[in-house]
């Protein structure tokens, strides 16, 4: 019986996490199966030399962009509303069931491949997930529900935190988020989901963070039980594993190494899965600074030109670039944030959604960077002041190195692989 790693390749973070766990499973003597419906970052599996299977229907690059847009609340999508009808979801589930049967799959680990929440139920296969990162009930109970600017300054002033939390959890149970999933679940004669959080948590949720940084003790996290079990269609379990972030895209290109070989301040702009206008705003931010800046464009390709002060690349191994710079500009996804921590590099972050906001608030609370409203990103002179403050104050780097010491205690991929092997 085999373990299947099944990333949604629309997301770099989830693709990279599956690569890390897959490799560790191989090290531990397992023979895992890598599968995907495809997407923007499918090429990573090829580049990393990992044999993988495409489970139909294949997701095109254009359709893959819809998933990323949905996570940002764009193109009219809201939350799980990425599936406008059940046809695509139905076909994903049907082919997954056939694939799991044909390959003797006994456990499945996913990153945002939500159709597997149904297909694994059809076959009674345990499902583990990585995509909630640290956005799990014990952490939200401690930190509150992250609300993005510009709404937070109005909502938090008028509505008590306890009411915000209650509204959030009510919203996560709201039927429009899960309607397509429950319609297909009914067709396959399996239990429906009680809400979006129930859908996303799986049987086992791997918390890809550390107790010391997240601020929730290990026993409190792993002994957690729902206050109201009726809100869950399973008995969800939480397990800490530690940081899981990308170590991809090969070695450090020589032109990047030479470009950063300078006594001038050095910046890295890695706004992955971002909109082009925000990347252009970041480009405007750094192009006239007396600094050397490396900027990655990811899905937007060669839309910007390199200059004497800005080197533009499509993709780079962030884990090799960040240790060489003095400050990183990011959206605050857990992968980017944990790469910065591992590199000891302070950040200026502009979150798109609540998970990114939570990650950046942890950094800001540790005085290792800033969490700024997304709308600030287009206020060049204002943001430059925050960047320059980090460049001129060594305390930010010292504080980030303290977080690095805490994060380095855990081998996220190794811990995840061990837990998945024991999943039943």
Protein backbone atom coordinates (compact mmCIF):
# COMPACT_ATOMS: atom_id res chain seq x y z
CA UNK A 1 0.00 0.00 0.00
CA UNK A 2 1.37 3.43 -0.98
CA UNK A 3 1.31 7.01 0.21
CA UNK A 4 0.21 9.57 -2.37
CA UNK A 5 1.40 13.20 -2.36
CA UNK A 6 -1.18 15.19 -4.35
CA UNK A 7 -0.42 18.92 -4.69
CA UNK A 8 -2.55 21.52 -6.41
CA UNK A 9 0.17 22.83 -8.71
CA UNK A 10 -1.55 26.20 -9.01
CA UNK A 11 0.35 27.05 -5.80
CA UNK A 12 4.12 27.18 -5.45
CA UNK A 13 3.89 26.74 -1.68
CA UNK A 14 1.88 23.51 -1.84
CA UNK A 15 3.91 22.09 -4.73
CA UNK A 16 7.15 22.73 -2.82
CA UNK A 17 5.77 21.19 0.38
CA UNK A 18 4.79 18.02 -1.46
CA UNK A 19 8.26 17.84 -3.05
CA UNK A 20 9.90 18.15 0.39
CA UNK A 21 7.74 15.45 2.00
CA UNK A 22 8.03 13.14 -1.04
CA UNK A 23 11.82 13.27 -0.88
CA UNK A 24 11.84 12.62 2.83
CA UNK A 25 9.51 9.63 2.42
CA UNK A 26 11.97 8.24 -0.12
CA UNK A 27 14.81 8.71 2.39
CA UNK A 28 12.79 6.82 4.99
CA UNK A 29 12.41 3.79 2.71
CA UNK A 30 8.91 4.44 1.38
CA UNK A 31 7.84 4.38 -2.27
CA UNK A 32 5.43 7.33 -2.43
CA UNK A 33 3.39 8.24 -5.49
CA UNK A 34 3.32 11.84 -6.72
CA UNK A 35 0.12 12.84 -8.51
CA UNK A 36 -1.50 16.10 -9.60
CA UNK A 37 -4.20 17.54 -11.80
CA UNK A 38 -1.53 19.93 -13.09
CA UNK A 39 -1.21 23.69 -12.97
CA UNK A 40 1.26 26.55 -13.22
CA UNK A 41 3.97 24.90 -11.12
CA UNK A 42 3.75 21.41 -12.60
CA UNK A 43 7.10 22.17 -14.23
CA UNK A 44 8.74 22.01 -10.80
CA UNK A 45 8.04 18.29 -10.57
CA UNK A 46 9.77 17.84 -13.92
CA UNK A 47 12.71 20.06 -13.01
CA UNK A 48 13.20 18.20 -9.72
CA UNK A 49 13.25 14.86 -11.52
CA UNK A 50 10.25 13.50 -9.63
CA UNK A 51 8.16 10.94 -11.53
CA UNK A 52 4.52 11.95 -11.31
CA UNK A 53 1.15 11.05 -12.68
CA UNK A 54 -1.42 13.38 -14.17
CA UNK A 55 -4.91 12.56 -12.94
CA UNK A 56 -7.54 13.81 -15.37
CA UNK A 57 -9.03 16.22 -16.08
CA UNK A 58 -5.80 18.15 -16.52
CA UNK A 59 -5.83 21.73 -15.19
CA UNK A 60 -4.52 24.23 -17.74
CA UNK A 61 -2.23 27.10 -16.81
CA UNK A 62 -5.09 29.53 -17.41
CA UNK A 63 -7.48 27.58 -15.19
CA UNK A 64 -4.70 27.33 -12.64
CA UNK A 65 -4.58 31.12 -12.42
CA UNK A 66 -8.23 31.05 -11.31
CA UNK A 67 -7.22 29.18 -8.16
CA UNK A 68 -4.65 31.82 -7.27
CA UNK A 69 -7.16 34.57 -8.07
CA UNK A 70 -9.72 32.93 -5.79
CA UNK A 71 -7.29 32.95 -2.87
CA UNK A 72 -6.94 36.71 -3.38
CA UNK A 73 -10.71 37.22 -3.69
CA UNK A 74 -10.46 38.21 -7.36
CA UNK A 75 -12.35 37.33 -10.56
CA UNK A 76 -15.58 37.08 -8.58
CA UNK A 77 -14.46 34.00 -6.65
CA UNK A 78 -15.03 33.79 -2.90
CA UNK A 79 -13.27 31.15 -0.84
CA UNK A 80 -14.29 27.66 -1.97
CA UNK A 81 -16.38 29.25 -4.74
CA UNK A 82 -13.65 28.34 -7.26
CA UNK A 83 -15.96 25.54 -8.42
CA UNK A 84 -18.80 27.40 -10.10
CA UNK A 85 -20.50 24.13 -10.98
CA UNK A 86 -20.05 20.53 -9.99
CA UNK A 87 -18.93 19.20 -13.40
CA UNK A 88 -15.20 19.79 -12.99
CA UNK A 89 -15.24 18.72 -9.35
CA UNK A 90 -17.21 15.57 -10.20
CA UNK A 91 -14.66 14.53 -12.83
CA UNK A 92 -11.76 15.22 -10.50
CA UNK A 93 -13.32 13.03 -7.82
CA UNK A 94 -14.21 10.23 -10.23
CA UNK A 95 -10.70 10.00 -11.68
CA UNK A 96 -9.07 10.27 -8.26
CA UNK A 97 -11.12 7.32 -7.00
CA UNK A 98 -10.03 5.27 -10.03
CA UNK A 99 -6.40 6.34 -9.58
CA UNK A 100 -6.26 5.54 -5.87
CA UNK A 101 -7.80 2.11 -6.47
CA UNK A 102 -5.47 1.26 -9.37
CA UNK A 103 -2.35 2.26 -7.44
CA UNK A 104 -3.17 0.75 -4.06
CA UNK A 105 -3.10 4.13 -2.29
CA UNK A 106 -3.61 3.83 1.47
CA UNK A 107 -2.89 7.40 2.65
CA UNK A 108 -3.12 10.76 0.87
CA UNK A 109 -1.35 14.04 1.63
CA UNK A 110 -2.68 17.10 -0.17
CA UNK A 111 -2.03 20.79 -0.57
CA UNK A 112 -5.23 22.54 -1.72
CA UNK A 113 -6.38 19.61 -3.88
CA UNK A 114 -9.79 19.83 -2.24
CA UNK A 115 -11.48 17.27 -4.49
CA UNK A 116 -9.49 14.64 -2.57
CA UNK A 117 -11.60 15.45 0.49
CA UNK A 118 -14.41 13.59 -1.30
CA UNK A 119 -12.48 10.90 -3.20
CA UNK A 120 -10.66 9.72 -0.07
CA UNK A 121 -14.01 9.44 1.74
CA UNK A 122 -15.39 7.32 -1.06
CA UNK A 123 -12.59 4.80 -0.46
CA UNK A 124 -12.20 5.27 3.30
CA UNK A 125 -8.58 6.48 2.89
CA UNK A 126 -7.13 8.75 5.62
CA UNK A 127 -6.50 12.29 4.37
CA UNK A 128 -3.76 14.62 5.65
CA UNK A 129 -3.41 18.27 4.65
CA UNK A 130 -0.73 20.97 4.76
CA UNK A 131 -2.60 23.90 3.24
CA UNK A 132 -3.97 25.43 6.45
CA UNK A 133 -0.39 26.19 7.54
CA UNK A 134 -0.95 27.81 10.98
CA UNK A 135 -4.57 28.91 10.43
CA UNK A 136 -5.98 26.29 12.78
CA UNK A 137 -8.46 26.82 15.63
CA UNK A 138 -5.98 26.88 18.57
CA UNK A 139 -3.83 29.52 16.84
CA UNK A 140 -6.84 31.63 15.83
CA UNK A 141 -8.16 31.34 19.36
CA UNK A 142 -4.92 32.83 20.66
CA UNK A 143 -4.25 35.48 18.00
CA UNK A 144 -7.79 36.30 16.99
CA UNK A 145 -9.05 36.37 13.44
CA UNK A 146 -6.73 38.31 11.12
CA UNK A 147 -8.67 41.00 9.26
CA UNK A 148 -6.95 42.88 6.49
CA UNK A 149 -6.73 46.61 6.01
CA UNK A 150 -8.60 48.72 5.20
CA UNK A 151 -11.40 46.83 6.96
CA UNK A 152 -9.70 46.16 10.29
CA UNK A 153 -9.52 49.76 11.44
CA UNK A 154 -13.31 50.04 11.12
CA UNK A 155 -14.42 46.55 12.13
CA UNK A 156 -12.17 46.20 15.16
CA UNK A 157 -13.18 49.62 16.42
CA UNK A 158 -16.88 48.81 16.25
CA UNK A 159 -17.07 45.05 16.86
CA UNK A 160 -15.59 43.15 19.85
CA UNK A 161 -12.96 40.50 19.03
CA UNK A 162 -15.22 37.75 20.42
CA UNK A 163 -17.97 38.74 17.97
CA UNK A 164 -15.50 38.85 15.06
CA UNK A 165 -14.39 35.31 15.93
CA UNK A 166 -17.98 34.08 16.10
CA UNK A 167 -18.78 35.69 12.74
CA UNK A 168 -15.70 34.11 11.19
CA UNK A 169 -16.59 30.62 12.32
CA UNK A 170 -20.20 31.14 11.20
CA UNK A 171 -18.91 32.25 7.82
CA UNK A 172 -16.71 29.18 7.54
CA UNK A 173 -19.88 27.07 7.93
CA UNK A 174 -21.82 29.12 5.40
CA UNK A 175 -23.30 26.86 2.75
CA UNK A 176 -22.19 28.78 -0.36
CA UNK A 177 -18.56 27.86 0.32
CA UNK A 178 -19.20 24.14 0.34
CA UNK A 179 -22.34 23.70 -1.77
CA UNK A 180 -20.58 22.14 -4.83
CA UNK A 181 -18.65 19.76 -2.56
CA UNK A 182 -21.74 18.56 -0.74
CA UNK A 183 -23.63 18.10 -3.99
CA UNK A 184 -20.89 15.82 -5.29
CA UNK A 185 -20.50 14.12 -1.91
CA UNK A 186 -24.20 13.22 -2.08
CA UNK A 187 -23.75 11.77 -5.56
CA UNK A 188 -20.97 9.51 -4.25
CA UNK A 189 -22.97 8.59 -1.12
CA UNK A 190 -20.46 9.95 1.41
CA UNK A 191 -20.87 12.22 4.41
CA UNK A 192 -21.39 15.92 3.62
CA UNK A 193 -19.17 18.64 5.05
CA UNK A 194 -20.46 20.93 7.76
CA UNK A 195 -18.47 23.96 6.59
CA UNK A 196 -15.35 25.21 4.85
CA UNK A 197 -13.11 24.54 7.85
CA UNK A 198 -14.40 20.97 8.06
CA UNK A 199 -13.64 20.56 4.35
CA UNK A 200 -10.13 22.00 4.60
CA UNK A 201 -8.92 20.22 7.73
CA UNK A 202 -8.98 16.62 6.57
CA UNK A 203 -8.54 13.75 9.02
CA UNK A 204 -5.11 15.06 10.00
CA UNK A 205 -3.88 18.64 9.67
CA UNK A 206 -0.13 19.16 9.68
CA UNK A 207 0.64 22.47 11.38
CA UNK A 208 3.69 23.67 9.48
CA UNK A 209 5.08 25.91 12.20
CA UNK A 210 6.80 25.69 15.58
CA UNK A 211 5.23 26.08 19.04
CA UNK A 212 7.77 28.73 20.07
CA UNK A 213 7.08 31.01 17.09
CA UNK A 214 3.33 30.44 16.79
CA UNK A 215 2.90 30.79 20.53
CA UNK A 216 0.66 27.74 21.04
CA UNK A 217 2.16 24.99 23.21
CA UNK A 218 2.60 21.57 21.61
CA UNK A 219 0.27 19.81 24.02
CA UNK A 220 -2.42 22.45 23.62
CA UNK A 221 -2.23 22.14 19.82
CA UNK A 222 -2.12 18.37 19.61
CA UNK A 223 -4.65 17.69 22.37
CA UNK A 224 -7.15 20.11 20.83
CA UNK A 225 -10.74 18.92 20.49
CA UNK A 226 -13.60 20.90 18.92
CA UNK A 227 -15.77 22.71 21.45
CA UNK A 228 -18.74 21.70 19.31
CA UNK A 229 -18.07 18.33 17.61
CA UNK A 230 -21.22 18.77 15.51
CA UNK A 231 -19.33 21.37 13.45
CA UNK A 232 -17.08 18.61 12.09
CA UNK A 233 -18.00 15.53 10.09
CA UNK A 234 -14.88 13.72 11.32
CA UNK A 235 -12.65 13.76 14.42
CA UNK A 236 -9.97 16.20 13.25
CA UNK A 237 -6.42 15.91 14.57
CA UNK A 238 -3.64 18.49 14.62
CA UNK A 239 0.10 17.74 14.65
CA UNK A 240 3.05 20.13 14.69
CA UNK A 241 5.76 19.31 12.15
CA UNK A 242 7.81 22.50 11.82
CA UNK A 243 8.61 24.72 8.85
CA UNK A 244 8.09 23.41 5.31
CA UNK A 245 9.32 25.81 2.62
CA UNK A 246 10.71 25.68 -0.90
CA UNK A 247 14.27 24.65 -1.66
CA UNK A 248 13.79 24.70 -5.41
CA UNK A 249 14.95 26.19 -8.72
CA UNK A 250 18.46 24.76 -8.66
CA UNK A 251 21.61 26.59 -7.63
CA UNK A 252 22.24 30.31 -7.37
CA UNK A 253 22.78 31.78 -10.86
CA UNK A 254 26.18 33.36 -11.31
CA UNK A 255 24.74 36.68 -12.51
CA UNK A 256 22.73 36.94 -9.28
CA UNK A 257 25.81 36.16 -7.21
CA UNK A 258 27.83 38.83 -8.99
CA UNK A 259 25.01 41.36 -8.83
CA UNK A 260 24.77 40.98 -5.05
CA UNK A 261 28.54 41.09 -4.54
CA UNK A 262 28.45 44.72 -3.40
CA UNK A 263 28.79 46.77 -0.20
CA UNK A 264 25.54 48.54 -1.04
CA UNK A 265 22.26 47.58 0.69
CA UNK A 266 20.68 44.54 -0.96
CA UNK A 267 16.96 43.79 -1.35
CA UNK A 268 14.96 40.81 -2.57
CA UNK A 269 11.42 41.33 -3.88
CA UNK A 270 9.54 38.03 -3.98
CA UNK A 271 5.82 38.80 -4.34
CA UNK A 272 4.92 35.30 -5.49
CA UNK A 273 1.40 34.64 -6.88
CA UNK A 274 0.88 38.40 -6.97
CA UNK A 275 -0.84 40.67 -9.44
CA UNK A 276 1.28 42.40 -12.03
CA UNK A 277 0.37 45.88 -10.78
CA UNK A 278 1.76 45.09 -7.33
CA UNK A 279 4.99 43.74 -8.80
CA UNK A 280 5.25 46.91 -10.89
CA UNK A 281 4.71 48.98 -7.74
CA UNK A 282 7.54 47.12 -6.00
CA UNK A 283 9.74 47.71 -9.05
CA UNK A 284 9.04 51.45 -8.81
CA UNK A 285 9.85 51.30 -5.10
CA UNK A 286 13.40 50.01 -5.55
CA UNK A 287 14.54 51.16 -8.99
CA UNK A 288 15.69 54.59 -7.77
CA UNK A 289 17.10 53.48 -4.43
CA UNK A 290 20.82 53.47 -3.78
CA UNK A 291 20.73 49.72 -3.41
CA UNK A 292 20.91 46.50 -5.40
CA UNK A 293 17.55 44.76 -5.73
CA UNK A 294 16.67 41.33 -7.13
CA UNK A 295 13.02 40.99 -8.21
CA UNK A 296 11.19 37.82 -9.26
CA UNK A 297 8.17 38.05 -11.54
CA UNK A 298 6.99 34.37 -11.31
CA UNK A 299 3.88 33.88 -13.48
CA UNK A 300 4.27 37.29 -15.16
CA UNK A 301 7.45 36.39 -17.05
CA UNK A 302 9.49 39.06 -18.76
CA UNK A 303 7.22 42.06 -18.21
CA UNK A 304 9.94 44.21 -16.57
CA UNK A 305 13.48 45.03 -17.60
CA UNK A 306 16.65 44.75 -15.57
CA UNK A 307 18.63 47.92 -14.83
CA UNK A 308 21.88 48.76 -13.05
CA UNK A 309 20.02 48.67 -9.73
CA UNK A 310 17.35 46.02 -10.33
CA UNK A 311 17.93 42.48 -11.58
CA UNK A 312 14.71 40.86 -12.84
CA UNK A 313 14.26 37.10 -12.91
CA UNK A 314 11.25 34.84 -13.44
CA UNK A 315 12.13 32.33 -10.68
CA UNK A 316 14.98 31.99 -8.21
CA UNK A 317 15.92 29.70 -5.30
CA UNK A 318 14.76 32.01 -2.53
CA UNK A 319 16.49 29.94 0.15
CA UNK A 320 19.81 30.79 -1.53
CA UNK A 321 19.06 34.44 -2.36
CA UNK A 322 17.58 35.60 0.96
CA UNK A 323 20.72 34.92 3.04
CA UNK A 324 22.59 37.33 0.75
CA UNK A 325 20.26 40.32 1.18
CA UNK A 326 19.47 42.77 3.96
CA UNK A 327 15.69 42.92 3.54
CA UNK A 328 12.99 40.99 1.67
CA UNK A 329 9.70 42.39 0.35
CA UNK A 330 7.03 39.67 0.37
CA UNK A 331 3.28 39.05 0.61
CA UNK A 332 3.80 36.88 3.67
CA UNK A 333 2.82 33.38 2.60
CA UNK A 334 4.21 30.86 5.04
CA UNK A 335 6.80 29.63 2.56
CA UNK A 336 8.26 33.09 1.96
CA UNK A 337 8.07 34.01 5.64
CA UNK A 338 9.78 30.82 6.80
CA UNK A 339 12.46 31.17 4.13
CA UNK A 340 13.18 34.64 5.46
CA UNK A 341 13.36 33.29 9.02
CA UNK A 342 15.70 30.48 7.93
CA UNK A 343 17.89 33.11 6.26
CA UNK A 344 17.83 35.55 9.19
CA UNK A 345 16.54 38.23 6.81
CA UNK A 346 14.05 40.91 8.00
CA UNK A 347 10.96 41.51 5.88
CA UNK A 348 8.49 44.16 4.83
CA UNK A 349 5.26 42.37 4.06
CA UNK A 350 1.96 43.22 2.37
CA UNK A 351 -0.60 40.46 2.99
CA UNK A 352 -3.36 39.60 0.53
CA UNK A 353 -5.33 37.40 2.94
CA UNK A 354 -5.65 36.31 6.55
CA UNK A 355 -3.04 33.54 6.54
CA UNK A 356 -0.39 35.92 5.23
CA UNK A 357 -1.44 38.54 7.75
CA UNK A 358 -1.04 36.05 10.60
CA UNK A 359 2.47 35.08 9.44
CA UNK A 360 3.57 38.70 9.15
CA UNK A 361 2.03 39.72 12.47
CA UNK A 362 4.19 37.06 14.15
CA UNK A 363 7.24 38.64 12.49
CA UNK A 364 6.17 42.16 13.43
CA UNK A 365 5.46 41.15 17.03
CA UNK A 366 8.99 39.76 17.21
CA UNK A 367 10.32 43.14 15.93
CA UNK A 368 11.87 41.37 12.93
CA UNK A 369 9.96 43.22 10.20
CA UNK A 370 6.75 44.98 9.27
CA UNK A 371 3.24 43.90 8.31
CA UNK A 372 1.78 46.73 6.22
CA UNK A 373 -1.60 47.20 4.52
CA UNK A 374 -1.56 45.99 0.94
CA UNK A 375 -2.67 49.43 -0.27
CA UNK A 376 0.61 50.86 1.04
CA UNK A 377 2.54 48.93 -1.60
CA UNK A 378 1.62 51.59 -4.16
CA UNK A 379 2.71 54.43 -1.84
CA UNK A 380 6.36 54.39 -2.89
CA UNK A 381 7.77 57.07 -0.61
CA UNK A 382 5.96 55.74 2.45
CA UNK A 383 7.10 52.14 1.96
CA UNK A 384 10.66 53.25 1.26
CA UNK A 385 10.81 54.70 4.77
CA UNK A 386 9.99 51.30 6.27
CA UNK A 387 12.59 49.58 4.10
CA UNK A 388 15.23 52.15 4.98
CA UNK A 389 14.42 51.77 8.69
CA UNK A 390 15.22 48.07 8.46
CA UNK A 391 18.40 48.74 6.50
CA UNK A 392 19.64 51.21 9.10
CA UNK A 393 18.71 49.29 12.27
CA UNK A 394 20.56 46.04 13.02
CA UNK A 395 18.02 45.03 15.68
CA UNK A 396 15.66 43.73 12.99
CA UNK A 397 18.28 41.27 11.80
CA UNK A 398 19.16 40.22 15.34
CA UNK A 399 15.50 39.54 16.11
CA UNK A 400 15.05 37.53 12.93
CA UNK A 401 18.11 35.45 13.81
CA UNK A 402 16.47 34.67 17.14
CA UNK A 403 13.43 33.34 15.26
CA UNK A 404 15.79 31.35 13.03
CA UNK A 405 17.25 29.64 16.10
CA UNK A 406 13.75 28.60 17.16
CA UNK A 407 12.69 27.41 13.71
CA UNK A 408 15.90 25.44 13.09
CA UNK A 409 15.10 23.11 15.99
CA UNK A 410 12.58 21.27 13.81
CA UNK A 411 12.97 19.32 10.56
CA UNK A 412 9.55 19.89 9.02
CA UNK A 413 9.87 17.45 6.11
CA UNK A 414 11.26 14.67 8.28
CA UNK A 415 8.54 15.09 10.91
CA UNK A 416 5.79 15.25 8.28
CA UNK A 417 7.01 12.06 6.60
CA UNK A 418 7.09 10.16 9.90
CA UNK A 419 3.57 11.27 10.82
CA UNK A 420 2.16 10.38 7.37
CA UNK A 421 3.74 6.91 7.57
CA UNK A 422 1.90 6.28 10.84
CA UNK A 423 -1.42 7.73 9.67
CA UNK A 424 -4.30 5.30 9.88
